All heavy atoms as atom14 arrays in JSON, in Angstrom:
{
  "sequence": "VSHIQKLPWPGHSPDVNAEEHAWPWIRRHITQDFMPSTCEEQCRFQ",
  "atom14_mask": [
    [1, 1, 1, 1, 1, 1, 1, 0, 0, 0, 0, 0, 0, 0],
    [1, 1, 1, 1, 1, 1, 0, 0, 0, 0, 0, 0, 0, 0],
    [1, 1, 1, 1, 1, 1, 1, 1, 1, 1, 0, 0, 0, 0],
    [1, 1, 1, 1, 1, 1, 1, 1, 0, 0, 0, 0, 0, 0],
    [1, 1, 1, 1, 1, 1, 1, 1, 1, 0, 0, 0, 0, 0],
    [1, 1, 1, 1, 1, 1, 1, 1, 1, 0, 0, 0, 0, 0],
    [1, 1, 1, 1, 1, 1, 1, 1, 0, 0, 0, 0, 0, 0],
    [1, 1, 1, 1, 1, 1, 1, 0, 0, 0, 0, 0, 0, 0],
    [1, 1, 1, 1, 1, 1, 1, 1, 1, 1, 1, 1, 1, 1],
    [1, 1, 1, 1, 1, 1, 1, 0, 0, 0, 0, 0, 0, 0],
    [1, 1, 1, 1, 0, 0, 0, 0, 0, 0, 0, 0, 0, 0],
    [1, 1, 1, 1, 1, 1, 1, 1, 1, 1, 0, 0, 0, 0],
    [1, 1, 1, 1, 1, 1, 0, 0, 0, 0, 0, 0, 0, 0],
    [1, 1, 1, 1, 1, 1, 1, 0, 0, 0, 0, 0, 0, 0],
    [1, 1, 1, 1, 1, 1, 1, 1, 0, 0, 0, 0, 0, 0],
    [1, 1, 1, 1, 1, 1, 1, 0, 0, 0, 0, 0, 0, 0],
    [1, 1, 1, 1, 1, 1, 1, 1, 0, 0, 0, 0, 0, 0],
    [1, 1, 1, 1, 1, 0, 0, 0, 0, 0, 0, 0, 0, 0],
    [1, 1, 1, 1, 1, 1, 1, 1, 1, 0, 0, 0, 0, 0],
    [1, 1, 1, 1, 1, 1, 1, 1, 1, 0, 0, 0, 0, 0],
    [1, 1, 1, 1, 1, 1, 1, 1, 1, 1, 0, 0, 0, 0],
    [1, 1, 1, 1, 1, 0, 0, 0, 0, 0, 0, 0, 0, 0],
    [1, 1, 1, 1, 1, 1, 1, 1, 1, 1, 1, 1, 1, 1],
    [1, 1, 1, 1, 1, 1, 1, 0, 0, 0, 0, 0, 0, 0],
    [1, 1, 1, 1, 1, 1, 1, 1, 1, 1, 1, 1, 1, 1],
    [1, 1, 1, 1, 1, 1, 1, 1, 0, 0, 0, 0, 0, 0],
    [1, 1, 1, 1, 1, 1, 1, 1, 1, 1, 1, 0, 0, 0],
    [1, 1, 1, 1, 1, 1, 1, 1, 1, 1, 1, 0, 0, 0],
    [1, 1, 1, 1, 1, 1, 1, 1, 1, 1, 0, 0, 0, 0],
    [1, 1, 1, 1, 1, 1, 1, 1, 0, 0, 0, 0, 0, 0],
    [1, 1, 1, 1, 1, 1, 1, 0, 0, 0, 0, 0, 0, 0],
    [1, 1, 1, 1, 1, 1, 1, 1, 1, 0, 0, 0, 0, 0],
    [1, 1, 1, 1, 1, 1, 1, 1, 0, 0, 0, 0, 0, 0],
    [1, 1, 1, 1, 1, 1, 1, 1, 1, 1, 1, 0, 0, 0],
    [1, 1, 1, 1, 1, 1, 1, 1, 0, 0, 0, 0, 0, 0],
    [1, 1, 1, 1, 1, 1, 1, 0, 0, 0, 0, 0, 0, 0],
    [1, 1, 1, 1, 1, 1, 0, 0, 0, 0, 0, 0, 0, 0],
    [1, 1, 1, 1, 1, 1, 1, 0, 0, 0, 0, 0, 0, 0],
    [1, 1, 1, 1, 1, 1, 0, 0, 0, 0, 0, 0, 0, 0],
    [1, 1, 1, 1, 1, 1, 1, 1, 1, 0, 0, 0, 0, 0],
    [1, 1, 1, 1, 1, 1, 1, 1, 1, 0, 0, 0, 0, 0],
    [1, 1, 1, 1, 1, 1, 1, 1, 1, 0, 0, 0, 0, 0],
    [1, 1, 1, 1, 1, 1, 0, 0, 0, 0, 0, 0, 0, 0],
    [1, 1, 1, 1, 1, 1, 1, 1, 1, 1, 1, 0, 0, 0],
    [1, 1, 1, 1, 1, 1, 1, 1, 1, 1, 1, 0, 0, 0],
    [1, 1, 1, 1, 1, 1, 1, 1, 1, 0, 0, 0, 0, 0]
  ],
  "atom14_positions": [
    [[-23.44, -13.96, 7.17], [-24.71, -14.07, 6.54], [-24.68, -14.38, 4.99], [-25.45, -15.13, 4.46], [-25.46, -12.74, 6.72], [-26.69, -12.64, 5.83], [-25.94, -12.54, 8.16], [0.0, 0.0, 0.0], [0.0, 0.0, 0.0], [0.0, 0.0, 0.0], [0.0, 0.0, 0.0], [0.0, 0.0, 0.0], [0.0, 0.0, 0.0], [0.0, 0.0, 0.0]],
    [[-23.51, -13.94, 4.4], [-23.25, -14.26, 2.98], [-22.59, -15.6, 2.75], [-22.29, -15.9, 1.64], [-22.37, -13.12, 2.42], [-23.02, -11.83, 2.58], [0.0, 0.0, 0.0], [0.0, 0.0, 0.0], [0.0, 0.0, 0.0], [0.0, 0.0, 0.0], [0.0, 0.0, 0.0], [0.0, 0.0, 0.0], [0.0, 0.0, 0.0], [0.0, 0.0, 0.0]],
    [[-22.37, -16.38, 3.84], [-21.77, -17.66, 3.72], [-20.3, -17.6, 3.21], [-19.94, -18.47, 2.34], [-22.57, -18.66, 3.01], [-24.01, -18.68, 3.6], [-24.34, -19.19, 4.78], [-25.19, -18.28, 3.1], [-25.59, -19.18, 5.01], [-26.17, -18.52, 3.97], [0.0, 0.0, 0.0], [0.0, 0.0, 0.0], [0.0, 0.0, 0.0], [0.0, 0.0, 0.0]],
    [[-19.6, -16.55, 3.5], [-18.27, -16.3, 3.0], [-17.3, -16.89, 4.15], [-17.32, -16.46, 5.24], [-17.87, -15.0, 2.7], [-18.88, -14.38, 1.68], [-16.51, -14.77, 2.28], [-18.86, -15.07, 0.32], [0.0, 0.0, 0.0], [0.0, 0.0, 0.0], [0.0, 0.0, 0.0], [0.0, 0.0, 0.0], [0.0, 0.0, 0.0], [0.0, 0.0, 0.0]],
    [[-16.42, -17.88, 3.88], [-15.53, -18.38, 4.79], [-14.24, -17.73, 4.75], [-13.69, -17.34, 3.72], [-15.21, -19.85, 4.5], [-16.5, -20.76, 4.74], [-16.15, -22.22, 4.55], [-15.16, -22.59, 3.89], [-16.95, -23.05, 5.12], [0.0, 0.0, 0.0], [0.0, 0.0, 0.0], [0.0, 0.0, 0.0], [0.0, 0.0, 0.0], [0.0, 0.0, 0.0]],
    [[-13.76, -17.35, 5.92], [-12.35, -16.65, 6.07], [-11.32, -17.52, 6.52], [-11.5, -18.45, 7.31], [-12.51, -15.45, 7.1], [-13.31, -14.3, 6.56], [-13.34, -13.19, 7.58], [-11.99, -12.55, 7.79], [-11.99, -11.32, 8.57], [0.0, 0.0, 0.0], [0.0, 0.0, 0.0], [0.0, 0.0, 0.0], [0.0, 0.0, 0.0], [0.0, 0.0, 0.0]],
    [[-10.15, -17.37, 5.9], [-8.95, -18.09, 6.38], [-8.41, -17.37, 7.61], [-8.18, -16.17, 7.65], [-7.92, -18.1, 5.21], [-6.61, -18.86, 5.46], [-6.91, -20.3, 5.55], [-5.66, -18.54, 4.42], [0.0, 0.0, 0.0], [0.0, 0.0, 0.0], [0.0, 0.0, 0.0], [0.0, 0.0, 0.0], [0.0, 0.0, 0.0], [0.0, 0.0, 0.0]],
    [[-8.17, -18.13, 8.77], [-7.66, -17.5, 9.93], [-6.25, -16.93, 9.66], [-5.49, -17.6, 8.86], [-7.47, -18.66, 10.91], [-8.29, -19.79, 10.38], [-8.39, -19.56, 8.85], [0.0, 0.0, 0.0], [0.0, 0.0, 0.0], [0.0, 0.0, 0.0], [0.0, 0.0, 0.0], [0.0, 0.0, 0.0], [0.0, 0.0, 0.0], [0.0, 0.0, 0.0]],
    [[-6.03, -15.76, 10.02], [-4.79, -15.06, 9.71], [-4.33, -14.26, 10.86], [-5.14, -13.51, 11.53], [-4.96, -14.17, 8.54], [-3.73, -13.87, 7.81], [-3.08, -12.63, 7.73], [-2.93, -14.71, 6.99], [-1.89, -12.67, 6.94], [-1.88, -13.87, 6.53], [-2.98, -15.98, 6.57], [-0.82, -14.43, 5.66], [-2.01, -16.6, 5.8], [-0.9, -15.81, 5.37]],
    [[-3.1, -14.27, 11.29], [-2.66, -13.46, 12.41], [-2.74, -11.96, 12.12], [-2.46, -11.49, 11.09], [-1.22, -13.88, 12.61], [-0.8, -14.44, 11.35], [-1.93, -15.03, 10.7], [0.0, 0.0, 0.0], [0.0, 0.0, 0.0], [0.0, 0.0, 0.0], [0.0, 0.0, 0.0], [0.0, 0.0, 0.0], [0.0, 0.0, 0.0], [0.0, 0.0, 0.0]],
    [[-3.24, -11.23, 13.12], [-3.25, -9.71, 12.94], [-1.87, -9.12, 12.89], [-0.92, -9.74, 13.48], [0.0, 0.0, 0.0], [0.0, 0.0, 0.0], [0.0, 0.0, 0.0], [0.0, 0.0, 0.0], [0.0, 0.0, 0.0], [0.0, 0.0, 0.0], [0.0, 0.0, 0.0], [0.0, 0.0, 0.0], [0.0, 0.0, 0.0], [0.0, 0.0, 0.0]],
    [[-1.81, -7.94, 12.35], [-0.62, -7.25, 12.3], [0.51, -8.22, 11.67], [1.63, -8.31, 12.3], [-0.15, -6.75, 13.63], [-1.27, -5.99, 14.25], [-1.67, -4.72, 13.87], [-2.05, -6.18, 15.24], [-2.62, -4.26, 14.6], [-2.95, -5.19, 15.45], [0.0, 0.0, 0.0], [0.0, 0.0, 0.0], [0.0, 0.0, 0.0], [0.0, 0.0, 0.0]],
    [[0.25, -8.73, 10.47], [1.27, -9.56, 9.9], [1.67, -9.17, 8.46], [1.53, -9.98, 7.52], [0.71, -11.0, 9.86], [-0.61, -11.04, 9.21], [0.0, 0.0, 0.0], [0.0, 0.0, 0.0], [0.0, 0.0, 0.0], [0.0, 0.0, 0.0], [0.0, 0.0, 0.0], [0.0, 0.0, 0.0], [0.0, 0.0, 0.0], [0.0, 0.0, 0.0]],
    [[2.14, -7.9, 8.34], [2.53, -7.54, 7.02], [3.69, -8.26, 6.39], [3.82, -8.28, 5.21], [2.92, -5.97, 7.22], [3.25, -5.93, 8.68], [2.39, -6.95, 9.29], [0.0, 0.0, 0.0], [0.0, 0.0, 0.0], [0.0, 0.0, 0.0], [0.0, 0.0, 0.0], [0.0, 0.0, 0.0], [0.0, 0.0, 0.0], [0.0, 0.0, 0.0]],
    [[4.45, -8.9, 7.21], [5.65, -9.66, 6.68], [5.28, -10.92, 5.88], [5.99, -11.41, 5.22], [6.55, -10.06, 7.82], [7.35, -8.91, 8.43], [7.33, -7.8, 7.81], [7.86, -8.97, 9.55], [0.0, 0.0, 0.0], [0.0, 0.0, 0.0], [0.0, 0.0, 0.0], [0.0, 0.0, 0.0], [0.0, 0.0, 0.0], [0.0, 0.0, 0.0]],
    [[4.0, -11.35, 6.01], [3.55, -12.51, 5.17], [2.86, -12.02, 4.01], [2.23, -12.81, 3.28], [2.77, -13.44, 6.06], [3.61, -14.18, 7.13], [1.61, -12.74, 6.6], [0.0, 0.0, 0.0], [0.0, 0.0, 0.0], [0.0, 0.0, 0.0], [0.0, 0.0, 0.0], [0.0, 0.0, 0.0], [0.0, 0.0, 0.0], [0.0, 0.0, 0.0]],
    [[2.87, -10.75, 3.67], [2.36, -10.14, 2.43], [3.45, -9.45, 1.75], [3.65, -8.25, 2.13], [1.06, -9.37, 2.77], [0.4, -8.81, 1.57], [0.96, -8.89, 0.39], [-0.7, -8.3, 1.63], [0.0, 0.0, 0.0], [0.0, 0.0, 0.0], [0.0, 0.0, 0.0], [0.0, 0.0, 0.0], [0.0, 0.0, 0.0], [0.0, 0.0, 0.0]],
    [[3.95, -9.93, 0.69], [5.07, -9.28, 0.07], [4.7, -7.83, -0.55], [5.59, -6.95, -0.56], [5.65, -10.09, -1.17], [0.0, 0.0, 0.0], [0.0, 0.0, 0.0], [0.0, 0.0, 0.0], [0.0, 0.0, 0.0], [0.0, 0.0, 0.0], [0.0, 0.0, 0.0], [0.0, 0.0, 0.0], [0.0, 0.0, 0.0], [0.0, 0.0, 0.0]],
    [[3.47, -7.7, -0.8], [3.05, -6.39, -1.34], [3.23, -5.31, -0.31], [3.47, -4.11, -0.68], [1.6, -6.49, -1.79], [1.03, -5.19, -2.32], [-0.44, -5.41, -2.7], [-0.78, -6.17, -3.57], [-1.24, -4.7, -2.05], [0.0, 0.0, 0.0], [0.0, 0.0, 0.0], [0.0, 0.0, 0.0], [0.0, 0.0, 0.0], [0.0, 0.0, 0.0]],
    [[3.12, -5.63, 0.97], [3.18, -4.63, 1.98], [4.6, -3.97, 2.01], [4.75, -2.88, 2.46], [2.81, -5.25, 3.4], [1.42, -5.56, 3.5], [0.52, -4.43, 3.46], [0.82, -3.36, 3.87], [-0.68, -4.65, 3.03], [0.0, 0.0, 0.0], [0.0, 0.0, 0.0], [0.0, 0.0, 0.0], [0.0, 0.0, 0.0], [0.0, 0.0, 0.0]],
    [[5.66, -4.72, 1.59], [6.98, -4.13, 1.64], [7.12, -3.14, 0.46], [7.99, -2.28, 0.53], [8.02, -5.23, 1.43], [8.05, -6.22, 2.51], [8.64, -5.89, 3.67], [7.55, -7.44, 2.59], [8.5, -6.97, 4.5], [7.88, -7.91, 3.86], [0.0, 0.0, 0.0], [0.0, 0.0, 0.0], [0.0, 0.0, 0.0], [0.0, 0.0, 0.0]],
    [[6.14, -3.17, -0.59], [6.35, -2.32, -1.62], [5.93, -0.89, -1.36], [6.57, 0.1, -1.86], [5.46, -2.8, -2.81], [0.0, 0.0, 0.0], [0.0, 0.0, 0.0], [0.0, 0.0, 0.0], [0.0, 0.0, 0.0], [0.0, 0.0, 0.0], [0.0, 0.0, 0.0], [0.0, 0.0, 0.0], [0.0, 0.0, 0.0], [0.0, 0.0, 0.0]],
    [[5.03, -0.67, -0.4], [4.52, 0.66, -0.18], [5.52, 1.54, 0.41], [5.69, 2.74, 0.0], [3.25, 0.58, 0.75], [2.19, -0.22, 0.21], [1.56, -1.33, 0.79], [1.65, -0.15, -1.17], [0.64, -1.87, -0.12], [0.72, -1.15, -1.34], [1.85, 0.7, -2.28], [-0.06, -1.29, -2.43], [1.16, 0.51, -3.43], [0.2, -0.48, -3.5]],
    [[6.35, 1.13, 1.46], [7.43, 1.98, 1.83], [8.39, 2.35, 0.73], [9.03, 3.51, 0.62], [8.1, 1.31, 3.05], [7.14, 0.34, 3.38], [6.24, -0.02, 2.21], [0.0, 0.0, 0.0], [0.0, 0.0, 0.0], [0.0, 0.0, 0.0], [0.0, 0.0, 0.0], [0.0, 0.0, 0.0], [0.0, 0.0, 0.0], [0.0, 0.0, 0.0]],
    [[8.67, 1.38, -0.08], [9.67, 1.6, -1.22], [9.08, 2.63, -2.16], [9.85, 3.54, -2.59], [9.88, 0.19, -1.88], [10.96, 0.29, -2.97], [12.21, 0.04, -2.86], [10.73, 0.68, -4.37], [12.96, 0.18, -4.07], [12.02, 0.57, -5.01], [9.63, 1.03, -5.11], [12.17, 0.94, -6.34], [9.84, 1.27, -6.44], [11.07, 1.29, -7.03]],
    [[7.86, 2.49, -2.57], [7.24, 3.48, -3.37], [7.17, 4.82, -2.82], [7.5, 5.81, -3.48], [5.83, 2.88, -3.8], [5.93, 1.7, -4.7], [5.02, 4.04, -4.5], [4.54, 1.02, -4.94], [0.0, 0.0, 0.0], [0.0, 0.0, 0.0], [0.0, 0.0, 0.0], [0.0, 0.0, 0.0], [0.0, 0.0, 0.0], [0.0, 0.0, 0.0]],
    [[6.79, 4.88, -1.58], [6.72, 6.2, -0.82], [8.12, 6.88, -0.83], [8.16, 8.1, -1.11], [6.26, 5.94, 0.6], [5.81, 7.3, 1.29], [5.23, 7.07, 2.62], [4.04, 6.27, 2.55], [3.95, 4.98, 3.09], [4.98, 4.49, 3.74], [2.87, 4.21, 3.04], [0.0, 0.0, 0.0], [0.0, 0.0, 0.0], [0.0, 0.0, 0.0]],
    [[9.11, 6.11, -0.53], [10.49, 6.73, -0.56], [10.85, 7.29, -1.97], [11.45, 8.32, -2.06], [11.58, 5.69, -0.2], [11.78, 5.52, 1.32], [13.06, 4.78, 1.61], [13.05, 3.47, 0.89], [12.57, 2.35, 1.25], [11.92, 2.23, 2.32], [12.78, 1.26, 0.48], [0.0, 0.0, 0.0], [0.0, 0.0, 0.0], [0.0, 0.0, 0.0]],
    [[10.49, 6.56, -3.02], [10.85, 7.0, -4.34], [9.99, 8.24, -4.81], [10.46, 9.03, -5.43], [10.71, 5.87, -5.35], [11.85, 4.88, -5.19], [11.88, 3.95, -4.29], [13.0, 4.9, -5.9], [13.1, 3.23, -4.39], [13.75, 3.85, -5.4], [0.0, 0.0, 0.0], [0.0, 0.0, 0.0], [0.0, 0.0, 0.0], [0.0, 0.0, 0.0]],
    [[8.79, 8.28, -4.37], [7.9, 9.39, -4.72], [8.33, 10.64, -4.04], [8.42, 11.78, -4.62], [6.37, 9.16, -4.43], [5.87, 8.13, -5.43], [5.6, 10.35, -4.43], [4.48, 7.68, -5.13], [0.0, 0.0, 0.0], [0.0, 0.0, 0.0], [0.0, 0.0, 0.0], [0.0, 0.0, 0.0], [0.0, 0.0, 0.0], [0.0, 0.0, 0.0]],
    [[8.65, 10.55, -2.79], [9.22, 11.7, -1.94], [10.53, 12.05, -2.14], [11.02, 13.05, -1.64], [8.8, 11.48, -0.46], [9.48, 10.36, 0.01], [7.31, 11.32, -0.22], [0.0, 0.0, 0.0], [0.0, 0.0, 0.0], [0.0, 0.0, 0.0], [0.0, 0.0, 0.0], [0.0, 0.0, 0.0], [0.0, 0.0, 0.0], [0.0, 0.0, 0.0]],
    [[11.39, 11.23, -2.83], [12.78, 11.46, -3.01], [13.07, 12.87, -3.63], [13.86, 13.64, -3.2], [13.33, 10.4, -3.9], [14.87, 10.48, -4.07], [15.32, 9.23, -4.9], [14.69, 8.16, -4.88], [16.38, 9.36, -5.49], [0.0, 0.0, 0.0], [0.0, 0.0, 0.0], [0.0, 0.0, 0.0], [0.0, 0.0, 0.0], [0.0, 0.0, 0.0]],
    [[12.31, 13.22, -4.7], [12.5, 14.44, -5.33], [11.52, 15.45, -4.85], [11.49, 16.68, -5.28], [12.34, 14.3, -6.83], [13.45, 13.37, -7.47], [14.65, 13.51, -6.84], [13.19, 12.65, -8.39], [0.0, 0.0, 0.0], [0.0, 0.0, 0.0], [0.0, 0.0, 0.0], [0.0, 0.0, 0.0], [0.0, 0.0, 0.0], [0.0, 0.0, 0.0]],
    [[10.69, 15.06, -4.01], [9.52, 15.89, -3.41], [8.97, 16.92, -4.27], [9.32, 18.08, -4.33], [10.02, 16.63, -2.13], [8.91, 17.19, -1.37], [8.05, 16.4, -0.76], [8.7, 18.53, -1.34], [6.93, 16.93, 0.05], [7.62, 19.09, -0.52], [6.8, 18.26, 0.1], [0.0, 0.0, 0.0], [0.0, 0.0, 0.0], [0.0, 0.0, 0.0]],
    [[8.14, 16.4, -5.12], [7.25, 17.26, -6.04], [5.88, 17.28, -5.5], [5.06, 16.33, -5.97], [7.38, 16.84, -7.51], [8.79, 16.87, -8.06], [8.85, 16.33, -9.67], [8.03, 14.76, -9.7], [0.0, 0.0, 0.0], [0.0, 0.0, 0.0], [0.0, 0.0, 0.0], [0.0, 0.0, 0.0], [0.0, 0.0, 0.0], [0.0, 0.0, 0.0]],
    [[5.48, 18.15, -4.54], [4.08, 18.05, -3.96], [3.1, 18.29, -5.01], [3.28, 19.1, -5.99], [4.14, 19.12, -2.81], [5.21, 20.01, -3.24], [6.25, 19.21, -4.06], [0.0, 0.0, 0.0], [0.0, 0.0, 0.0], [0.0, 0.0, 0.0], [0.0, 0.0, 0.0], [0.0, 0.0, 0.0], [0.0, 0.0, 0.0], [0.0, 0.0, 0.0]],
    [[1.93, 17.6, -4.88], [0.85, 17.76, -5.83], [-0.5, 17.64, -5.06], [-0.61, 16.76, -4.16], [0.91, 16.77, -6.98], [-0.2, 16.83, -7.78], [0.0, 0.0, 0.0], [0.0, 0.0, 0.0], [0.0, 0.0, 0.0], [0.0, 0.0, 0.0], [0.0, 0.0, 0.0], [0.0, 0.0, 0.0], [0.0, 0.0, 0.0], [0.0, 0.0, 0.0]],
    [[-1.43, 18.43, -5.31], [-2.76, 18.27, -4.78], [-3.7, 17.66, -5.72], [-4.84, 17.43, -5.42], [-3.32, 19.64, -4.27], [-3.29, 20.54, -5.46], [-2.51, 20.19, -3.19], [0.0, 0.0, 0.0], [0.0, 0.0, 0.0], [0.0, 0.0, 0.0], [0.0, 0.0, 0.0], [0.0, 0.0, 0.0], [0.0, 0.0, 0.0], [0.0, 0.0, 0.0]],
    [[-3.13, 17.41, -6.96], [-4.0, 16.75, -7.97], [-4.08, 15.3, -7.84], [-3.0, 14.64, -7.87], [-3.37, 17.16, -9.37], [-4.26, 16.39, -10.75], [0.0, 0.0, 0.0], [0.0, 0.0, 0.0], [0.0, 0.0, 0.0], [0.0, 0.0, 0.0], [0.0, 0.0, 0.0], [0.0, 0.0, 0.0], [0.0, 0.0, 0.0], [0.0, 0.0, 0.0]],
    [[-5.2, 14.76, -7.67], [-5.37, 13.32, -7.48], [-4.85, 12.46, -8.69], [-4.23, 11.5, -8.51], [-6.85, 13.0, -7.18], [-7.04, 11.56, -6.85], [-8.45, 11.17, -6.57], [-9.19, 12.11, -6.1], [-8.78, 10.0, -6.69], [0.0, 0.0, 0.0], [0.0, 0.0, 0.0], [0.0, 0.0, 0.0], [0.0, 0.0, 0.0], [0.0, 0.0, 0.0]],
    [[-5.13, 12.97, -9.83], [-4.61, 12.34, -11.05], [-3.16, 12.2, -11.03], [-2.54, 11.16, -11.37], [-5.15, 13.03, -12.35], [-4.85, 12.36, -13.6], [-5.42, 13.04, -14.79], [-6.57, 13.63, -14.64], [-4.78, 12.98, -15.87], [0.0, 0.0, 0.0], [0.0, 0.0, 0.0], [0.0, 0.0, 0.0], [0.0, 0.0, 0.0], [0.0, 0.0, 0.0]],
    [[-2.39, 13.3, -10.74], [-0.93, 13.31, -10.71], [-0.51, 12.36, -9.7], [0.55, 11.6, -9.88], [-0.46, 14.73, -10.41], [1.03, 14.75, -10.34], [1.77, 14.38, -11.62], [1.19, 14.49, -12.78], [2.98, 13.88, -11.59], [0.0, 0.0, 0.0], [0.0, 0.0, 0.0], [0.0, 0.0, 0.0], [0.0, 0.0, 0.0], [0.0, 0.0, 0.0]],
    [[-1.1, 12.29, -8.47], [-0.68, 11.36, -7.41], [-0.87, 9.94, -7.88], [0.06, 9.1, -7.66], [-1.46, 11.66, -6.15], [-1.0, 13.19, -5.29], [0.0, 0.0, 0.0], [0.0, 0.0, 0.0], [0.0, 0.0, 0.0], [0.0, 0.0, 0.0], [0.0, 0.0, 0.0], [0.0, 0.0, 0.0], [0.0, 0.0, 0.0], [0.0, 0.0, 0.0]],
    [[-1.96, 9.56, -8.49], [-2.19, 8.21, -8.94], [-1.13, 7.87, -10.01], [-0.7, 6.78, -9.99], [-3.61, 8.11, -9.6], [-4.77, 8.09, -8.59], [-6.06, 7.85, -9.27], [-7.12, 8.11, -8.37], [-7.65, 7.19, -7.61], [-7.26, 5.97, -7.61], [-8.66, 7.44, -6.79], [0.0, 0.0, 0.0], [0.0, 0.0, 0.0], [0.0, 0.0, 0.0]],
    [[-0.85, 8.76, -10.98], [0.15, 8.55, -11.86], [1.52, 8.2, -11.2], [2.21, 7.34, -11.62], [0.31, 9.77, -12.86], [1.53, 9.56, -13.78], [1.39, 8.73, -14.85], [2.68, 10.29, -13.52], [2.44, 8.5, -15.68], [3.72, 10.13, -14.38], [3.68, 9.27, -15.41], [0.0, 0.0, 0.0], [0.0, 0.0, 0.0], [0.0, 0.0, 0.0]],
    [[1.84, 8.97, -10.21], [3.19, 8.81, -9.57], [3.21, 7.49, -8.9], [4.22, 6.72, -9.0], [3.46, 9.91, -8.5], [3.75, 11.21, -9.06], [3.97, 12.35, -8.05], [3.21, 12.41, -7.11], [5.03, 13.09, -8.14], [0.0, 0.0, 0.0], [0.0, 0.0, 0.0], [0.0, 0.0, 0.0], [0.0, 0.0, 0.0], [0.0, 0.0, 0.0]]
  ]
}
């Protein structure tokens, strides 16, 4: 309805988005020293 055209893209294709590889890398580094936090600000900072 908004006249926005989409580029066809295969579903479940994280390998064609380099950024998707970063999330597991970041998660590993954040949990490496395991400093749990319930503070949203601290999590965003990490």
